[in-house]
All heavy atoms as atom14 arrays in JSON, in Angstrom:
{
  "sequence": "EGQTSLEALKGLGQVKFYNFGTIPELNAFLRGIDAAQGALDALPVD",
  "atom14_mask": [
    [1, 1, 1, 1, 1, 1, 1, 1, 1, 0, 0, 0, 0, 0],
    [1, 1, 1, 1, 0, 0, 0, 0, 0, 0, 0, 0, 0, 0],
    [1, 1, 1, 1, 1, 1, 1, 1, 1, 0, 0, 0, 0, 0],
    [1, 1, 1, 1, 1, 1, 1, 0, 0, 0, 0, 0, 0, 0],
    [1, 1, 1, 1, 1, 1, 0, 0, 0, 0, 0, 0, 0, 0],
    [1, 1, 1, 1, 1, 1, 1, 1, 0, 0, 0, 0, 0, 0],
    [1, 1, 1, 1, 1, 1, 1, 1, 1, 0, 0, 0, 0, 0],
    [1, 1, 1, 1, 1, 0, 0, 0, 0, 0, 0, 0, 0, 0],
    [1, 1, 1, 1, 1, 1, 1, 1, 0, 0, 0, 0, 0, 0],
    [1, 1, 1, 1, 1, 1, 1, 1, 1, 0, 0, 0, 0, 0],
    [1, 1, 1, 1, 0, 0, 0, 0, 0, 0, 0, 0, 0, 0],
    [1, 1, 1, 1, 1, 1, 1, 1, 0, 0, 0, 0, 0, 0],
    [1, 1, 1, 1, 0, 0, 0, 0, 0, 0, 0, 0, 0, 0],
    [1, 1, 1, 1, 1, 1, 1, 1, 1, 0, 0, 0, 0, 0],
    [1, 1, 1, 1, 1, 1, 1, 0, 0, 0, 0, 0, 0, 0],
    [1, 1, 1, 1, 1, 1, 1, 1, 1, 0, 0, 0, 0, 0],
    [1, 1, 1, 1, 1, 1, 1, 1, 1, 1, 1, 0, 0, 0],
    [1, 1, 1, 1, 1, 1, 1, 1, 1, 1, 1, 1, 0, 0],
    [1, 1, 1, 1, 1, 1, 1, 1, 0, 0, 0, 0, 0, 0],
    [1, 1, 1, 1, 1, 1, 1, 1, 1, 1, 1, 0, 0, 0],
    [1, 1, 1, 1, 0, 0, 0, 0, 0, 0, 0, 0, 0, 0],
    [1, 1, 1, 1, 1, 1, 1, 0, 0, 0, 0, 0, 0, 0],
    [1, 1, 1, 1, 1, 1, 1, 1, 0, 0, 0, 0, 0, 0],
    [1, 1, 1, 1, 1, 1, 1, 0, 0, 0, 0, 0, 0, 0],
    [1, 1, 1, 1, 1, 1, 1, 1, 1, 0, 0, 0, 0, 0],
    [1, 1, 1, 1, 1, 1, 1, 1, 0, 0, 0, 0, 0, 0],
    [1, 1, 1, 1, 1, 1, 1, 1, 0, 0, 0, 0, 0, 0],
    [1, 1, 1, 1, 1, 0, 0, 0, 0, 0, 0, 0, 0, 0],
    [1, 1, 1, 1, 1, 1, 1, 1, 1, 1, 1, 0, 0, 0],
    [1, 1, 1, 1, 1, 1, 1, 1, 0, 0, 0, 0, 0, 0],
    [1, 1, 1, 1, 1, 1, 1, 1, 1, 1, 1, 0, 0, 0],
    [1, 1, 1, 1, 0, 0, 0, 0, 0, 0, 0, 0, 0, 0],
    [1, 1, 1, 1, 1, 1, 1, 1, 0, 0, 0, 0, 0, 0],
    [1, 1, 1, 1, 1, 1, 1, 1, 0, 0, 0, 0, 0, 0],
    [1, 1, 1, 1, 1, 0, 0, 0, 0, 0, 0, 0, 0, 0],
    [1, 1, 1, 1, 1, 0, 0, 0, 0, 0, 0, 0, 0, 0],
    [1, 1, 1, 1, 1, 1, 1, 1, 1, 0, 0, 0, 0, 0],
    [1, 1, 1, 1, 0, 0, 0, 0, 0, 0, 0, 0, 0, 0],
    [1, 1, 1, 1, 1, 0, 0, 0, 0, 0, 0, 0, 0, 0],
    [1, 1, 1, 1, 1, 1, 1, 1, 0, 0, 0, 0, 0, 0],
    [1, 1, 1, 1, 1, 1, 1, 1, 0, 0, 0, 0, 0, 0],
    [1, 1, 1, 1, 1, 0, 0, 0, 0, 0, 0, 0, 0, 0],
    [1, 1, 1, 1, 1, 1, 1, 1, 0, 0, 0, 0, 0, 0],
    [1, 1, 1, 1, 1, 1, 1, 0, 0, 0, 0, 0, 0, 0],
    [1, 1, 1, 1, 1, 1, 1, 0, 0, 0, 0, 0, 0, 0],
    [1, 1, 1, 1, 1, 1, 1, 1, 0, 0, 0, 0, 0, 0]
  ],
  "atom14_positions": [
    [[0.82, -1.22, 0.0], [0.0, 0.0, 0.0], [0.85, 1.27, 0.0], [0.32, 2.37, 0.1], [-0.94, -0.01, 1.2], [-2.0, -1.1, 1.1], [-2.83, -1.26, 2.36], [-2.63, -0.49, 3.34], [-3.67, -2.17, 2.38], [0.0, 0.0, 0.0], [0.0, 0.0, 0.0], [0.0, 0.0, 0.0], [0.0, 0.0, 0.0], [0.0, 0.0, 0.0]],
    [[2.19, 1.11, -0.08], [3.06, 2.27, -0.21], [3.97, 2.58, 0.96], [4.77, 3.51, 0.9], [0.0, 0.0, 0.0], [0.0, 0.0, 0.0], [0.0, 0.0, 0.0], [0.0, 0.0, 0.0], [0.0, 0.0, 0.0], [0.0, 0.0, 0.0], [0.0, 0.0, 0.0], [0.0, 0.0, 0.0], [0.0, 0.0, 0.0], [0.0, 0.0, 0.0]],
    [[3.88, 1.83, 2.05], [4.73, 2.08, 3.21], [6.13, 1.54, 2.95], [6.29, 0.35, 2.67], [4.14, 1.41, 4.45], [4.94, 1.57, 5.71], [5.1, 3.02, 6.12], [6.13, 3.64, 5.84], [4.07, 3.55, 6.75], [0.0, 0.0, 0.0], [0.0, 0.0, 0.0], [0.0, 0.0, 0.0], [0.0, 0.0, 0.0], [0.0, 0.0, 0.0]],
    [[7.15, 2.39, 3.02], [8.52, 1.93, 2.82], [9.42, 2.2, 4.02], [10.6, 1.91, 3.98], [9.16, 2.59, 1.56], [9.16, 4.01, 1.74], [8.4, 2.2, 0.31], [0.0, 0.0, 0.0], [0.0, 0.0, 0.0], [0.0, 0.0, 0.0], [0.0, 0.0, 0.0], [0.0, 0.0, 0.0], [0.0, 0.0, 0.0], [0.0, 0.0, 0.0]],
    [[8.86, 2.74, 5.1], [9.65, 3.04, 6.29], [10.04, 1.75, 7.0], [9.18, 0.95, 7.39], [8.84, 3.92, 7.24], [9.44, 3.95, 8.52], [0.0, 0.0, 0.0], [0.0, 0.0, 0.0], [0.0, 0.0, 0.0], [0.0, 0.0, 0.0], [0.0, 0.0, 0.0], [0.0, 0.0, 0.0], [0.0, 0.0, 0.0], [0.0, 0.0, 0.0]],
    [[11.32, 1.58, 7.21], [11.82, 0.39, 7.89], [11.21, 0.27, 9.28], [10.75, -0.79, 9.68], [13.35, 0.44, 7.97], [14.04, -0.68, 8.73], [13.75, -2.03, 8.1], [15.53, -0.44, 8.82], [0.0, 0.0, 0.0], [0.0, 0.0, 0.0], [0.0, 0.0, 0.0], [0.0, 0.0, 0.0], [0.0, 0.0, 0.0], [0.0, 0.0, 0.0]],
    [[11.19, 1.37, 10.03], [10.66, 1.33, 11.4], [9.17, 0.99, 11.42], [8.71, 0.21, 12.25], [10.92, 2.66, 12.11], [12.38, 2.88, 12.43], [13.01, 1.75, 13.24], [12.4, 1.29, 14.23], [14.11, 1.32, 12.88], [0.0, 0.0, 0.0], [0.0, 0.0, 0.0], [0.0, 0.0, 0.0], [0.0, 0.0, 0.0], [0.0, 0.0, 0.0]],
    [[8.4, 1.56, 10.51], [6.96, 1.28, 10.46], [6.72, -0.19, 10.12], [5.87, -0.84, 10.71], [6.28, 2.17, 9.43], [0.0, 0.0, 0.0], [0.0, 0.0, 0.0], [0.0, 0.0, 0.0], [0.0, 0.0, 0.0], [0.0, 0.0, 0.0], [0.0, 0.0, 0.0], [0.0, 0.0, 0.0], [0.0, 0.0, 0.0], [0.0, 0.0, 0.0]],
    [[7.49, -0.72, 9.17], [7.32, -2.12, 8.77], [7.74, -3.07, 9.88], [7.13, -4.11, 10.08], [8.08, -2.41, 7.47], [7.53, -1.67, 6.25], [8.48, -1.81, 5.07], [6.14, -2.18, 5.89], [0.0, 0.0, 0.0], [0.0, 0.0, 0.0], [0.0, 0.0, 0.0], [0.0, 0.0, 0.0], [0.0, 0.0, 0.0], [0.0, 0.0, 0.0]],
    [[8.79, -2.69, 10.63], [9.22, -3.52, 11.76], [8.14, -3.59, 12.84], [8.05, -4.56, 13.56], [10.51, -2.98, 12.37], [11.75, -3.36, 11.62], [12.95, -2.83, 12.38], [14.23, -3.45, 11.93], [15.38, -2.94, 12.69], [0.0, 0.0, 0.0], [0.0, 0.0, 0.0], [0.0, 0.0, 0.0], [0.0, 0.0, 0.0], [0.0, 0.0, 0.0]],
    [[7.32, -2.54, 12.95], [6.23, -2.54, 13.91], [5.1, -3.48, 13.51], [4.27, -3.85, 14.33], [0.0, 0.0, 0.0], [0.0, 0.0, 0.0], [0.0, 0.0, 0.0], [0.0, 0.0, 0.0], [0.0, 0.0, 0.0], [0.0, 0.0, 0.0], [0.0, 0.0, 0.0], [0.0, 0.0, 0.0], [0.0, 0.0, 0.0], [0.0, 0.0, 0.0]],
    [[5.06, -3.86, 12.24], [4.0, -4.73, 11.73], [4.46, -6.17, 11.48], [3.64, -7.07, 11.34], [3.46, -4.15, 10.41], [2.83, -2.77, 10.53], [2.56, -2.2, 9.15], [1.54, -2.85, 11.34], [0.0, 0.0, 0.0], [0.0, 0.0, 0.0], [0.0, 0.0, 0.0], [0.0, 0.0, 0.0], [0.0, 0.0, 0.0], [0.0, 0.0, 0.0]],
    [[5.75, -6.37, 11.37], [6.31, -7.69, 11.08], [7.82, -7.63, 11.22], [8.35, -6.73, 11.85], [0.0, 0.0, 0.0], [0.0, 0.0, 0.0], [0.0, 0.0, 0.0], [0.0, 0.0, 0.0], [0.0, 0.0, 0.0], [0.0, 0.0, 0.0], [0.0, 0.0, 0.0], [0.0, 0.0, 0.0], [0.0, 0.0, 0.0], [0.0, 0.0, 0.0]],
    [[8.5, -8.56, 10.6], [9.96, -8.57, 10.64], [10.52, -8.08, 9.32], [9.94, -8.31, 8.26], [10.48, -9.98, 10.89], [10.19, -10.51, 12.26], [10.86, -11.87, 12.47], [11.43, -12.45, 11.56], [10.8, -12.36, 13.68], [0.0, 0.0, 0.0], [0.0, 0.0, 0.0], [0.0, 0.0, 0.0], [0.0, 0.0, 0.0], [0.0, 0.0, 0.0]],
    [[11.68, -7.43, 9.4], [12.43, -7.06, 8.21], [13.86, -7.54, 8.45], [14.49, -7.19, 9.44], [12.43, -5.54, 7.97], [13.25, -5.2, 6.72], [11.0, -5.01, 7.83], [0.0, 0.0, 0.0], [0.0, 0.0, 0.0], [0.0, 0.0, 0.0], [0.0, 0.0, 0.0], [0.0, 0.0, 0.0], [0.0, 0.0, 0.0], [0.0, 0.0, 0.0]],
    [[14.33, -8.4, 7.55], [15.68, -8.94, 7.68], [16.47, -8.61, 6.42], [15.92, -8.56, 5.33], [15.65, -10.44, 7.89], [15.03, -10.84, 9.22], [15.15, -12.32, 9.45], [14.56, -12.67, 10.8], [14.72, -14.09, 11.11], [0.0, 0.0, 0.0], [0.0, 0.0, 0.0], [0.0, 0.0, 0.0], [0.0, 0.0, 0.0], [0.0, 0.0, 0.0]],
    [[17.77, -8.42, 6.59], [18.67, -8.11, 5.48], [19.57, -9.31, 5.22], [20.05, -9.95, 6.16], [19.51, -6.88, 5.81], [18.69, -5.63, 5.94], [18.1, -5.3, 7.15], [18.48, -4.81, 4.86], [17.32, -4.16, 7.28], [17.71, -3.67, 4.96], [17.12, -3.35, 6.18], [0.0, 0.0, 0.0], [0.0, 0.0, 0.0], [0.0, 0.0, 0.0]],
    [[19.76, -9.62, 3.95], [20.57, -10.77, 3.55], [21.62, -10.34, 2.54], [21.34, -9.55, 1.64], [19.68, -11.85, 2.91], [18.65, -12.41, 3.86], [17.37, -11.86, 3.95], [18.95, -13.49, 4.68], [16.43, -12.38, 4.82], [18.01, -14.01, 5.56], [16.75, -13.44, 5.62], [15.82, -13.96, 6.49], [0.0, 0.0, 0.0], [0.0, 0.0, 0.0]],
    [[22.83, -10.86, 2.7], [23.94, -10.6, 1.78], [24.37, -11.9, 1.13], [24.39, -12.95, 1.79], [25.14, -10.01, 2.53], [24.87, -8.63, 3.04], [24.7, -7.71, 2.26], [24.79, -8.49, 4.35], [0.0, 0.0, 0.0], [0.0, 0.0, 0.0], [0.0, 0.0, 0.0], [0.0, 0.0, 0.0], [0.0, 0.0, 0.0], [0.0, 0.0, 0.0]],
    [[24.75, -11.82, -0.13], [25.17, -13.0, -0.87], [26.48, -12.71, -1.6], [26.74, -11.57, -1.97], [24.08, -13.41, -1.88], [22.78, -13.71, -1.2], [21.83, -12.72, -1.02], [22.52, -14.97, -0.69], [20.64, -12.98, -0.37], [21.34, -15.24, -0.03], [20.4, -14.25, 0.13], [0.0, 0.0, 0.0], [0.0, 0.0, 0.0], [0.0, 0.0, 0.0]],
    [[27.25, -13.75, -1.81], [28.55, -13.6, -2.46], [28.45, -13.4, -3.97], [29.32, -12.77, -4.56], [0.0, 0.0, 0.0], [0.0, 0.0, 0.0], [0.0, 0.0, 0.0], [0.0, 0.0, 0.0], [0.0, 0.0, 0.0], [0.0, 0.0, 0.0], [0.0, 0.0, 0.0], [0.0, 0.0, 0.0], [0.0, 0.0, 0.0], [0.0, 0.0, 0.0]],
    [[27.4, -13.94, -4.56], [27.27, -13.86, -6.01], [25.82, -13.59, -6.41], [24.9, -13.82, -5.63], [27.71, -15.18, -6.69], [26.79, -16.21, -6.3], [29.13, -15.56, -6.32], [0.0, 0.0, 0.0], [0.0, 0.0, 0.0], [0.0, 0.0, 0.0], [0.0, 0.0, 0.0], [0.0, 0.0, 0.0], [0.0, 0.0, 0.0], [0.0, 0.0, 0.0]],
    [[25.64, -13.14, -7.62], [24.3, -12.91, -8.15], [23.51, -14.22, -8.25], [22.33, -14.24, -7.9], [24.36, -12.17, -9.51], [24.83, -10.74, -9.27], [23.01, -12.17, -10.2], [25.07, -9.94, -10.53], [0.0, 0.0, 0.0], [0.0, 0.0, 0.0], [0.0, 0.0, 0.0], [0.0, 0.0, 0.0], [0.0, 0.0, 0.0], [0.0, 0.0, 0.0]],
    [[24.11, -15.34, -8.71], [23.34, -16.59, -8.74], [22.82, -17.0, -7.36], [21.71, -17.52, -7.24], [24.32, -17.61, -9.31], [25.24, -16.81, -10.17], [25.4, -15.51, -9.42], [0.0, 0.0, 0.0], [0.0, 0.0, 0.0], [0.0, 0.0, 0.0], [0.0, 0.0, 0.0], [0.0, 0.0, 0.0], [0.0, 0.0, 0.0], [0.0, 0.0, 0.0]],
    [[23.59, -16.77, -6.31], [23.11, -17.08, -4.95], [21.93, -16.2, -4.58], [20.94, -16.68, -4.03], [24.24, -16.88, -3.94], [25.33, -17.9, -4.01], [26.5, -17.57, -3.09], [26.78, -16.38, -2.85], [27.12, -18.52, -2.61], [0.0, 0.0, 0.0], [0.0, 0.0, 0.0], [0.0, 0.0, 0.0], [0.0, 0.0, 0.0], [0.0, 0.0, 0.0]],
    [[22.02, -14.92, -4.87], [20.92, -13.99, -4.61], [19.68, -14.41, -5.39], [18.57, -14.46, -4.84], [21.32, -12.56, -4.97], [20.22, -11.5, -4.93], [19.6, -11.39, -3.54], [20.75, -10.16, -5.4], [0.0, 0.0, 0.0], [0.0, 0.0, 0.0], [0.0, 0.0, 0.0], [0.0, 0.0, 0.0], [0.0, 0.0, 0.0], [0.0, 0.0, 0.0]],
    [[19.85, -14.72, -6.67], [18.71, -15.13, -7.49], [18.06, -16.41, -6.97], [16.83, -16.53, -6.98], [19.14, -15.31, -8.95], [19.42, -13.98, -9.62], [18.95, -12.93, -9.18], [20.19, -14.0, -10.69], [0.0, 0.0, 0.0], [0.0, 0.0, 0.0], [0.0, 0.0, 0.0], [0.0, 0.0, 0.0], [0.0, 0.0, 0.0], [0.0, 0.0, 0.0]],
    [[18.87, -17.37, -6.52], [18.31, -18.61, -5.97], [17.5, -18.31, -4.71], [16.42, -18.89, -4.51], [19.44, -19.59, -5.67], [0.0, 0.0, 0.0], [0.0, 0.0, 0.0], [0.0, 0.0, 0.0], [0.0, 0.0, 0.0], [0.0, 0.0, 0.0], [0.0, 0.0, 0.0], [0.0, 0.0, 0.0], [0.0, 0.0, 0.0], [0.0, 0.0, 0.0]],
    [[18.0, -17.42, -3.87], [17.27, -17.03, -2.66], [15.93, -16.39, -3.03], [14.89, -16.73, -2.45], [18.12, -16.07, -1.84], [17.44, -15.55, -0.61], [17.32, -16.33, 0.52], [16.93, -14.27, -0.58], [16.68, -15.86, 1.66], [16.3, -13.77, 0.54], [16.18, -14.56, 1.67], [0.0, 0.0, 0.0], [0.0, 0.0, 0.0], [0.0, 0.0, 0.0]],
    [[15.95, -15.48, -3.99], [14.72, -14.8, -4.41], [13.72, -15.78, -5.0], [12.52, -15.68, -4.74], [15.04, -13.69, -5.41], [15.87, -12.53, -4.86], [16.25, -11.57, -5.99], [15.16, -11.82, -3.74], [0.0, 0.0, 0.0], [0.0, 0.0, 0.0], [0.0, 0.0, 0.0], [0.0, 0.0, 0.0], [0.0, 0.0, 0.0], [0.0, 0.0, 0.0]],
    [[14.21, -16.76, -5.75], [13.31, -17.79, -6.3], [12.71, -18.63, -5.17], [11.55, -19.04, -5.23], [14.06, -18.68, -7.27], [14.27, -18.01, -8.61], [14.82, -18.98, -9.66], [15.5, -18.22, -10.68], [16.81, -18.2, -10.87], [17.61, -18.92, -10.12], [17.32, -17.46, -11.83], [0.0, 0.0, 0.0], [0.0, 0.0, 0.0], [0.0, 0.0, 0.0]],
    [[13.49, -18.91, -4.14], [12.99, -19.66, -2.99], [11.9, -18.9, -2.25], [10.88, -19.48, -1.86], [0.0, 0.0, 0.0], [0.0, 0.0, 0.0], [0.0, 0.0, 0.0], [0.0, 0.0, 0.0], [0.0, 0.0, 0.0], [0.0, 0.0, 0.0], [0.0, 0.0, 0.0], [0.0, 0.0, 0.0], [0.0, 0.0, 0.0], [0.0, 0.0, 0.0]],
    [[12.09, -17.6, -2.06], [11.06, -16.77, -1.42], [9.79, -16.8, -2.27], [8.68, -16.96, -1.76], [11.54, -15.32, -1.23], [12.69, -15.24, -0.23], [10.4, -14.4, -0.83], [12.3, -15.42, 1.21], [0.0, 0.0, 0.0], [0.0, 0.0, 0.0], [0.0, 0.0, 0.0], [0.0, 0.0, 0.0], [0.0, 0.0, 0.0], [0.0, 0.0, 0.0]],
    [[9.96, -16.65, -3.58], [8.81, -16.66, -4.49], [8.08, -18.01, -4.45], [6.86, -18.06, -4.42], [9.27, -16.35, -5.91], [8.12, -16.14, -6.87], [7.18, -15.41, -6.51], [8.17, -16.71, -7.97], [0.0, 0.0, 0.0], [0.0, 0.0, 0.0], [0.0, 0.0, 0.0], [0.0, 0.0, 0.0], [0.0, 0.0, 0.0], [0.0, 0.0, 0.0]],
    [[8.83, -19.1, -4.42], [8.23, -20.44, -4.4], [7.49, -20.72, -3.1], [6.54, -21.5, -3.08], [9.3, -21.5, -4.63], [0.0, 0.0, 0.0], [0.0, 0.0, 0.0], [0.0, 0.0, 0.0], [0.0, 0.0, 0.0], [0.0, 0.0, 0.0], [0.0, 0.0, 0.0], [0.0, 0.0, 0.0], [0.0, 0.0, 0.0], [0.0, 0.0, 0.0]],
    [[7.91, -20.07, -2.01], [7.29, -20.31, -0.7], [6.03, -19.48, -0.48], [5.38, -19.62, 0.56], [8.3, -20.02, 0.4], [0.0, 0.0, 0.0], [0.0, 0.0, 0.0], [0.0, 0.0, 0.0], [0.0, 0.0, 0.0], [0.0, 0.0, 0.0], [0.0, 0.0, 0.0], [0.0, 0.0, 0.0], [0.0, 0.0, 0.0], [0.0, 0.0, 0.0]],
    [[5.68, -18.61, -1.41], [4.48, -17.79, -1.24], [3.26, -18.69, -1.03], [3.1, -19.69, -1.7], [4.26, -16.87, -2.44], [5.29, -15.77, -2.55], [5.36, -14.9, -1.3], [4.35, -14.46, -0.77], [6.57, -14.67, -0.83], [0.0, 0.0, 0.0], [0.0, 0.0, 0.0], [0.0, 0.0, 0.0], [0.0, 0.0, 0.0], [0.0, 0.0, 0.0]],
    [[2.45, -18.31, -0.09], [1.3, -19.12, 0.3], [1.57, -19.77, 1.64], [0.76, -19.68, 2.54], [0.0, 0.0, 0.0], [0.0, 0.0, 0.0], [0.0, 0.0, 0.0], [0.0, 0.0, 0.0], [0.0, 0.0, 0.0], [0.0, 0.0, 0.0], [0.0, 0.0, 0.0], [0.0, 0.0, 0.0], [0.0, 0.0, 0.0], [0.0, 0.0, 0.0]],
    [[2.73, -20.39, 1.78], [3.12, -20.97, 3.06], [3.88, -19.92, 3.9], [3.88, -19.97, 5.11], [4.01, -22.19, 2.85], [0.0, 0.0, 0.0], [0.0, 0.0, 0.0], [0.0, 0.0, 0.0], [0.0, 0.0, 0.0], [0.0, 0.0, 0.0], [0.0, 0.0, 0.0], [0.0, 0.0, 0.0], [0.0, 0.0, 0.0], [0.0, 0.0, 0.0]],
    [[4.49, -18.98, 3.22], [5.3, -17.95, 3.87], [4.92, -16.61, 3.26], [5.01, -16.43, 2.05], [6.79, -18.22, 3.63], [7.79, -17.19, 4.07], [7.83, -17.13, 5.6], [9.17, -17.53, 3.55], [0.0, 0.0, 0.0], [0.0, 0.0, 0.0], [0.0, 0.0, 0.0], [0.0, 0.0, 0.0], [0.0, 0.0, 0.0], [0.0, 0.0, 0.0]],
    [[4.46, -15.68, 4.09], [4.12, -14.36, 3.58], [5.34, -13.47, 3.72], [5.62, -12.93, 4.78], [2.94, -13.78, 4.36], [2.19, -12.73, 3.54], [2.61, -12.47, 2.39], [1.21, -12.19, 4.04], [0.0, 0.0, 0.0], [0.0, 0.0, 0.0], [0.0, 0.0, 0.0], [0.0, 0.0, 0.0], [0.0, 0.0, 0.0], [0.0, 0.0, 0.0]],
    [[6.12, -13.39, 2.65], [7.37, -12.62, 2.65], [7.53, -11.93, 1.31], [7.05, -12.42, 0.29], [8.55, -13.54, 2.91], [0.0, 0.0, 0.0], [0.0, 0.0, 0.0], [0.0, 0.0, 0.0], [0.0, 0.0, 0.0], [0.0, 0.0, 0.0], [0.0, 0.0, 0.0], [0.0, 0.0, 0.0], [0.0, 0.0, 0.0], [0.0, 0.0, 0.0]],
    [[8.25, -10.81, 1.34], [8.43, -10.03, 0.12], [9.84, -9.45, 0.1], [10.2, -8.67, 0.98], [7.4, -8.9, 0.08], [7.42, -8.0, -1.14], [6.99, -8.79, -2.39], [6.49, -6.82, -0.92], [0.0, 0.0, 0.0], [0.0, 0.0, 0.0], [0.0, 0.0, 0.0], [0.0, 0.0, 0.0], [0.0, 0.0, 0.0], [0.0, 0.0, 0.0]],
    [[10.67, -9.83, -0.88], [12.0, -9.22, -1.0], [11.87, -7.84, -1.63], [11.12, -7.65, -2.59], [12.76, -10.18, -1.9], [11.73, -10.94, -2.65], [10.47, -10.91, -1.84], [0.0, 0.0, 0.0], [0.0, 0.0, 0.0], [0.0, 0.0, 0.0], [0.0, 0.0, 0.0], [0.0, 0.0, 0.0], [0.0, 0.0, 0.0], [0.0, 0.0, 0.0]],
    [[12.59, -6.85, -1.07], [12.51, -5.47, -1.55], [13.9, -4.84, -1.54], [14.82, -5.32, -0.9], [11.54, -4.63, -0.68], [10.14, -5.19, -0.74], [12.01, -4.54, 0.75], [0.0, 0.0, 0.0], [0.0, 0.0, 0.0], [0.0, 0.0, 0.0], [0.0, 0.0, 0.0], [0.0, 0.0, 0.0], [0.0, 0.0, 0.0], [0.0, 0.0, 0.0]],
    [[14.01, -3.73, -2.25], [15.28, -2.99, -2.24], [15.08, -1.48, -2.17], [15.93, -0.72, -2.56], [16.12, -3.35, -3.48], [15.46, -2.91, -4.77], [14.34, -2.38, -4.73], [16.08, -3.09, -5.82], [0.0, 0.0, 0.0], [0.0, 0.0, 0.0], [0.0, 0.0, 0.0], [0.0, 0.0, 0.0], [0.0, 0.0, 0.0], [0.0, 0.0, 0.0]]
  ]
}
């Protein structure tokens, strides 16, 4: 709905930061988050 404030989002759920060594590792992680939708309500953002 347009909220991008880290503090506001932390008040509603969790926000975690992840670092990866390579782009393929990052892409695999993002695909995993996407595949888990329905069982896991999560959204990768930048």
